[in-house]
C-alpha atoms as a PDB file:
ATOM      1  CA  MET A   1      36.404  74.698   8.788  1.00  0.00           C
ATOM      2  CA  ARG A   2      36.733  73.619  12.394  1.00  0.00           C
ATOM      3  CA  ASP A   3      33.875  73.603  14.879  1.00  0.00           C
ATOM      4  CA  LEU A   4      34.103  77.038  16.477  1.00  0.00           C
ATOM      5  CA  ARG A   5      31.044  76.963  18.700  1.00  0.00           C
ATOM      6  CA  PRO A   6      31.884  78.614  22.050  1.00  0.00           C
ATOM      7  CA  ALA A   7      31.538  75.357  23.994  1.00  0.00           C
ATOM      8  CA  GLU A   8      33.878  73.556  21.577  1.00  0.00           C
ATOM      9  CA  VAL A   9      36.435  76.380  21.688  1.00  0.00           C
ATOM     10  CA  ALA A  10      36.322  76.403  25.495  1.00  0.00           C
ATOM     11  CA  ALA A  11      36.781  72.625  25.581  1.00  0.00           C
ATOM     12  CA  ARG A  12      39.760  72.826  23.225  1.00  0.00           C
ATOM     13  CA  LEU A  13      41.370  75.604  25.263  1.00  0.00           C
ATOM     14  CA  ALA A  14      40.842  73.587  28.457  1.00  0.00           C
ATOM     15  CA  ALA A  15      42.462  70.538  26.831  1.00  0.00           C
ATOM     16  CA  LEU A  16      45.432  72.631  25.707  1.00  0.00           C
ATOM     17  CA  ALA A  17      45.794  74.174  29.172  1.00  0.00           C
ATOM     18  CA  ALA A  18      45.807  70.698  30.738  1.00  0.00           C
ATOM     19  CA  LEU A  19      48.609  69.613  28.386  1.00  0.00           C
ATOM     20  CA  TYR A  20      50.790  72.662  28.993  1.00  0.00           C
ATOM     21  CA  VAL A  21      53.865  72.051  31.128  1.00  0.00           C
ATOM     22  CA  PRO A  22      56.115  75.101  31.415  1.00  0.00           C
ATOM     23  CA  ASP A  23      59.867  74.674  31.035  1.00  0.00           C
ATOM     24  CA  THR A  24      62.282  75.768  33.699  1.00  0.00           C
ATOM     25  CA  VAL A  25      64.884  78.222  32.461  1.00  0.00           C
ATOM     26  CA  ASP A  26      67.474  75.433  32.261  1.00  0.00           C
ATOM     27  CA  GLU A  27      65.074  73.094  30.415  1.00  0.00           C
ATOM     28  CA  GLY A  28      64.209  75.844  27.956  1.00  0.00           C
ATOM     29  CA  ARG A  29      67.862  76.595  27.282  1.00  0.00           C
ATOM     30  CA  ALA A  30      68.620  72.888  26.776  1.00  0.00           C
ATOM     31  CA  ARG A  31      65.664  72.545  24.386  1.00  0.00           C
ATOM     32  CA  LEU A  32      66.786  75.584  22.394  1.00  0.00           C
ATOM     33  CA  ARG A  33      70.339  74.222  22.171  1.00  0.00           C
ATOM     34  CA  ALA A  34      68.981  70.867  20.957  1.00  0.00           C
ATOM     35  CA  ASP A  35      66.794  72.633  18.375  1.00  0.00           C
ATOM     36  CA  ARG A  36      69.851  74.412  16.984  1.00  0.00           C
ATOM     37  CA  MET A  37      71.587  71.064  16.613  1.00  0.00           C
ATOM     38  CA  ALA A  38      68.709  69.530  14.585  1.00  0.00           C
ATOM     39  CA  PRO A  39      68.115  71.696  11.485  1.00  0.00           C
ATOM     40  CA  ALA A  40      65.976  68.954   9.882  1.00  0.00           C
ATOM     41  CA  ALA A  41      63.322  69.623  12.533  1.00  0.00           C
ATOM     42  CA  PHE A  42      63.111  73.267  11.446  1.00  0.00           C
ATOM     43  CA  ALA A  43      60.686  72.582   8.566  1.00  0.00           C
ATOM     44  CA  ALA A  44      58.397  70.548  10.815  1.00  0.00           C
ATOM     45  CA  ASP A  45      58.444  73.301  13.457  1.00  0.00           C
ATOM     46  CA  VAL A  46      57.581  75.914  10.845  1.00  0.00           C
ATOM     47  CA  ALA A  47      54.705  73.777   9.541  1.00  0.00           C
ATOM     48  CA  ASN A  48      53.350  73.290  13.070  1.00  0.00           C
ATOM     49  CA  ARG A  49      53.519  76.994  13.852  1.00  0.00           C
ATOM     50  CA  LEU A  50      51.876  77.852  10.545  1.00  0.00           C
ATOM     51  CA  GLU A  51      49.024  75.471  11.368  1.00  0.00           C
ATOM     52  CA  GLU A  52      48.631  77.152  14.768  1.00  0.00           C
ATOM     53  CA  LEU A  53      48.568  80.584  13.129  1.00  0.00           C
ATOM     54  CA  ARG A  54      45.934  79.450  10.644  1.00  0.00           C
ATOM     55  CA  ALA A  55      43.790  78.095  13.486  1.00  0.00           C
ATOM     56  CA  LEU A  56      44.118  81.398  15.347  1.00  0.00           C
ATOM     57  CA  ASP A  57      43.216  83.263  12.159  1.00  0.00           C
ATOM     58  CA  GLU A  58      40.092  81.113  11.740  1.00  0.00           C
ATOM     59  CA  LEU A  59      39.097  81.756  15.346  1.00  0.00           C
ATOM     60  CA  THR A  60      39.697  85.497  14.963  1.00  0.00           C
ATOM     61  CA  GLN A  61      37.611  85.650  11.785  1.00  0.00           C
ATOM     62  CA  TYR A  62      34.826  83.714  13.499  1.00  0.00           C
ATOM     63  CA  LEU A  63      34.866  85.920  16.598  1.00  0.00           C
ATOM     64  CA  HIS A  64      34.886  89.129  14.556  1.00  0.00           C
ATOM     65  CA  ALA A  65      32.209  88.040  12.095  1.00  0.00           C
ATOM     66  CA  PRO A  66      28.831  89.793  12.112  1.00  0.00           C
ATOM     67  CA  SER A  67      26.430  88.537  14.740  1.00  0.00           C
ATOM     68  CA  ARG A  68      26.078  84.775  14.574  1.00  0.00           C
ATOM     69  CA  ALA A  69      22.598  85.023  16.108  1.00  0.00           C
ATOM     70  CA  THR A  70      21.151  86.016  12.719  1.00  0.00           C
ATOM     71  CA  ARG A  71      22.579  82.992  10.876  1.00  0.00           C
END
């Protein structure tokens, strides 16, 4: 299981925010057109999104667990 201490989660979110570069509408459309042209990339995209969902699930379970102060 990943390190889900609040400081580590905050650091990871800050790193992700620093990496984020939004697309313009035209860039987004071009990227979507390119994605449609490359079906081999579909499996890799699905795997990446599944990994992201699993990480979010882990975080959600951690945040909704009984008080961590008693552990």
